[in-house]
Amino acid sequence: MANSILAVAKQTDGALRKVSFEMLGEAGRLAEKMGATVEAALLGSGEVEKLPVSVGGVRAK
């Protein structure tokens, strides 16, 4: 995870929570300044792998 920023995202009932979008957005802004990438830990139950983790053109791994 060299030169990466880890953002924690949470889903409830199959949808990302608002705070997750805020975290990913800020991680993207910081990563751009640092020349880093954004990685996300997606928390929740159910089929979380179906949720896209992308905000404002920033795509998390």
C-alpha atoms as a PDB file:
ATOM      1  CA  MET A   1       0.000   0.000   0.000  1.00  0.00           C
ATOM      2  CA  ALA A   2       2.895   2.370  -0.731  1.00  0.00           C
ATOM      3  CA  ASN A   3       1.760   5.903  -1.576  1.00  0.00           C
ATOM      4  CA  SER A   4      -1.854   5.026  -0.859  1.00  0.00           C
ATOM      5  CA  ILE A   5      -4.547   6.567   1.287  1.00  0.00           C
ATOM      6  CA  LEU A   6      -6.979   4.206   2.949  1.00  0.00           C
ATOM      7  CA  ALA A   7     -10.561   5.456   3.247  1.00  0.00           C
ATOM      8  CA  VAL A   8     -13.126   3.529   5.245  1.00  0.00           C
ATOM      9  CA  ALA A   9     -16.591   3.387   3.665  1.00  0.00           C
ATOM     10  CA  LYS A  10     -19.746   1.962   5.222  1.00  0.00           C
ATOM     11  CA  GLN A  11     -22.870   0.708   3.523  1.00  0.00           C
ATOM     12  CA  THR A  12     -26.332   0.251   4.954  1.00  0.00           C
ATOM     13  CA  ASP A  13     -29.129  -1.552   3.116  1.00  0.00           C
ATOM     14  CA  GLY A  14     -27.098  -1.721  -0.094  1.00  0.00           C
ATOM     15  CA  ALA A  15     -26.220   1.969  -0.263  1.00  0.00           C
ATOM     16  CA  LEU A  16     -23.118   3.864   0.743  1.00  0.00           C
ATOM     17  CA  ARG A  17     -23.668   6.215   3.656  1.00  0.00           C
ATOM     18  CA  LYS A  18     -23.198   9.947   3.087  1.00  0.00           C
ATOM     19  CA  VAL A  19     -20.127  10.064   5.317  1.00  0.00           C
ATOM     20  CA  SER A  20     -18.485   7.467   3.044  1.00  0.00           C
ATOM     21  CA  PHE A  21     -18.769   9.834   0.071  1.00  0.00           C
ATOM     22  CA  GLU A  22     -17.272  12.597   2.196  1.00  0.00           C
ATOM     23  CA  MET A  23     -14.346  10.375   3.229  1.00  0.00           C
ATOM     24  CA  LEU A  24     -13.673   9.215  -0.325  1.00  0.00           C
ATOM     25  CA  GLY A  25     -13.870  12.749  -1.675  1.00  0.00           C
ATOM     26  CA  GLU A  26     -11.385  14.072   0.862  1.00  0.00           C
ATOM     27  CA  ALA A  27      -9.101  11.077   0.324  1.00  0.00           C
ATOM     28  CA  GLY A  28      -9.151  11.849  -3.407  1.00  0.00           C
ATOM     29  CA  ARG A  29      -8.206  15.493  -2.854  1.00  0.00           C
ATOM     30  CA  LEU A  30      -5.378  14.507  -0.527  1.00  0.00           C
ATOM     31  CA  ALA A  31      -4.164  11.758  -2.863  1.00  0.00           C
ATOM     32  CA  GLU A  32      -4.015  14.208  -5.763  1.00  0.00           C
ATOM     33  CA  LYS A  33      -1.780  16.546  -3.747  1.00  0.00           C
ATOM     34  CA  MET A  34       0.457  13.655  -2.668  1.00  0.00           C
ATOM     35  CA  GLY A  35       0.576  11.784  -5.977  1.00  0.00           C
ATOM     36  CA  ALA A  36      -0.986   8.793  -4.213  1.00  0.00           C
ATOM     37  CA  THR A  37      -3.845   6.404  -4.905  1.00  0.00           C
ATOM     38  CA  VAL A  38      -7.001   5.827  -2.871  1.00  0.00           C
ATOM     39  CA  GLU A  39      -7.892   2.428  -1.469  1.00  0.00           C
ATOM     40  CA  ALA A  40     -11.152   1.757   0.339  1.00  0.00           C
ATOM     41  CA  ALA A  41     -12.190  -0.666   3.040  1.00  0.00           C
ATOM     42  CA  LEU A  42     -15.907  -1.237   2.518  1.00  0.00           C
ATOM     43  CA  LEU A  43     -17.729  -2.262   5.689  1.00  0.00           C
ATOM     44  CA  GLY A  44     -21.163  -3.785   5.929  1.00  0.00           C
ATOM     45  CA  SER A  45     -23.025  -6.999   5.370  1.00  0.00           C
ATOM     46  CA  GLY A  46     -24.611  -8.453   2.285  1.00  0.00           C
ATOM     47  CA  GLU A  47     -23.331  -8.095  -1.254  1.00  0.00           C
ATOM     48  CA  VAL A  48     -20.903  -5.225  -0.740  1.00  0.00           C
ATOM     49  CA  GLU A  49     -18.808  -6.253  -3.748  1.00  0.00           C
ATOM     50  CA  LYS A  50     -21.588  -4.970  -6.026  1.00  0.00           C
ATOM     51  CA  LEU A  51     -21.261  -1.407  -4.731  1.00  0.00           C
ATOM     52  CA  PRO A  52     -19.066   0.900  -6.803  1.00  0.00           C
ATOM     53  CA  VAL A  53     -16.611   2.860  -4.722  1.00  0.00           C
ATOM     54  CA  SER A  54     -16.141   5.968  -6.829  1.00  0.00           C
ATOM     55  CA  VAL A  55     -16.703   9.623  -6.035  1.00  0.00           C
ATOM     56  CA  GLY A  56     -16.087  12.658  -8.209  1.00  0.00           C
ATOM     57  CA  GLY A  57     -13.931  10.779 -10.676  1.00  0.00           C
ATOM     58  CA  VAL A  58     -11.867   9.174  -7.907  1.00  0.00           C
ATOM     59  CA  ARG A  59     -12.019   5.407  -8.068  1.00  0.00           C
ATOM     60  CA  ALA A  60     -10.843   3.460  -5.044  1.00  0.00           C
ATOM     61  CA  LYS A  61      -9.286   0.037  -5.332  1.00  0.00           C
END
